[in-house]
Amino acid sequence: MPTFLIVYNIAFLHKKIKLKQLSKLSMIDFYLERSYKNKVISEKVFNKKSNELANITKLIYGWIRSY
């Protein structure tokens, strides 16, 4: 197998893994919102964790675009 195909396959695999991580982050965000609406967590915790998730999501989208 030529080297460029190996590199392309690795990059594609990494993109696939990152997309999978984005879907997991989306689920975490959903459950975080549900926890807040059901008053399991405070608004302060909700805002802090939501901002952290947003930053992680931005990083992953940046990594996906870089390939």
Protein backbone atom coordinates (compact mmCIF):
# COMPACT_ATOMS: atom_id res chain seq x y z
CA MET A 1 0.00 0.00 0.00
CA PRO A 2 1.45 3.42 -0.96
CA THR A 3 2.46 5.76 1.85
CA PHE A 4 -0.05 8.48 0.92
CA LEU A 5 -2.91 5.99 1.25
CA ILE A 6 -1.71 4.97 4.70
CA VAL A 7 -1.56 8.62 5.79
CA TYR A 8 -5.01 9.28 4.29
CA ASN A 9 -6.47 6.25 6.08
CA ILE A 10 -4.98 7.41 9.39
CA ALA A 11 -6.37 10.93 8.91
CA PHE A 12 -9.79 9.52 7.98
CA LEU A 13 -9.77 7.22 10.99
CA HIS A 14 -8.91 10.13 13.26
CA LYS A 15 -11.77 12.16 11.76
CA LYS A 16 -14.14 9.27 12.34
CA ILE A 17 -13.02 9.00 15.97
CA LYS A 18 -13.43 12.75 16.48
CA LEU A 19 -16.93 12.66 15.02
CA LYS A 20 -17.76 9.87 17.44
CA GLN A 21 -16.45 12.02 20.29
CA LEU A 22 -18.66 14.90 19.11
CA SER A 23 -21.73 12.68 19.33
CA LYS A 24 -20.74 11.66 22.86
CA LEU A 25 -20.29 15.32 23.82
CA SER A 26 -23.73 16.04 22.42
CA MET A 27 -25.22 13.35 24.66
CA ILE A 28 -23.38 14.75 27.69
CA ASP A 29 -24.76 18.19 26.85
CA PHE A 30 -28.27 16.76 26.60
CA TYR A 31 -28.05 15.04 29.98
CA LEU A 32 -26.49 18.14 31.53
CA GLU A 33 -29.43 20.22 30.34
CA ARG A 34 -31.92 17.65 31.60
CA SER A 35 -30.19 17.63 34.99
CA TYR A 36 -30.50 21.39 35.19
CA LYS A 37 -34.17 21.40 34.14
CA ASN A 38 -34.94 18.71 36.73
CA LYS A 39 -33.08 20.79 39.35
CA VAL A 40 -30.46 18.12 40.00
CA ILE A 41 -27.66 20.65 39.46
CA SER A 42 -27.50 24.39 40.08
CA GLU A 43 -27.43 27.06 37.40
CA LYS A 44 -23.83 27.88 38.31
CA VAL A 45 -22.69 24.29 37.71
CA PHE A 46 -24.76 24.11 34.53
CA ASN A 47 -23.18 27.26 33.10
CA LYS A 48 -19.65 26.18 34.01
CA LYS A 49 -19.99 22.70 32.50
CA SER A 50 -21.79 24.01 29.41
CA ASN A 51 -18.92 26.42 28.73
CA GLU A 52 -16.39 23.61 29.18
CA LEU A 53 -18.31 21.41 26.73
CA ALA A 54 -18.54 24.27 24.23
CA ASN A 55 -14.77 24.78 24.37
CA ILE A 56 -14.08 21.07 23.88
CA THR A 57 -16.51 20.98 20.95
CA LYS A 58 -14.77 23.96 19.31
CA LEU A 59 -11.40 22.22 19.68
CA ILE A 60 -12.64 19.02 18.07
CA TYR A 61 -14.26 20.90 15.16
CA GLY A 62 -10.97 22.73 14.64
CA TRP A 63 -9.07 19.44 14.57
CA ILE A 64 -11.55 17.99 12.07
CA ARG A 65 -11.17 21.02 9.78
CA SER A 66 -7.38 20.80 9.95
CA TYR A 67 -7.32 17.49 8.04
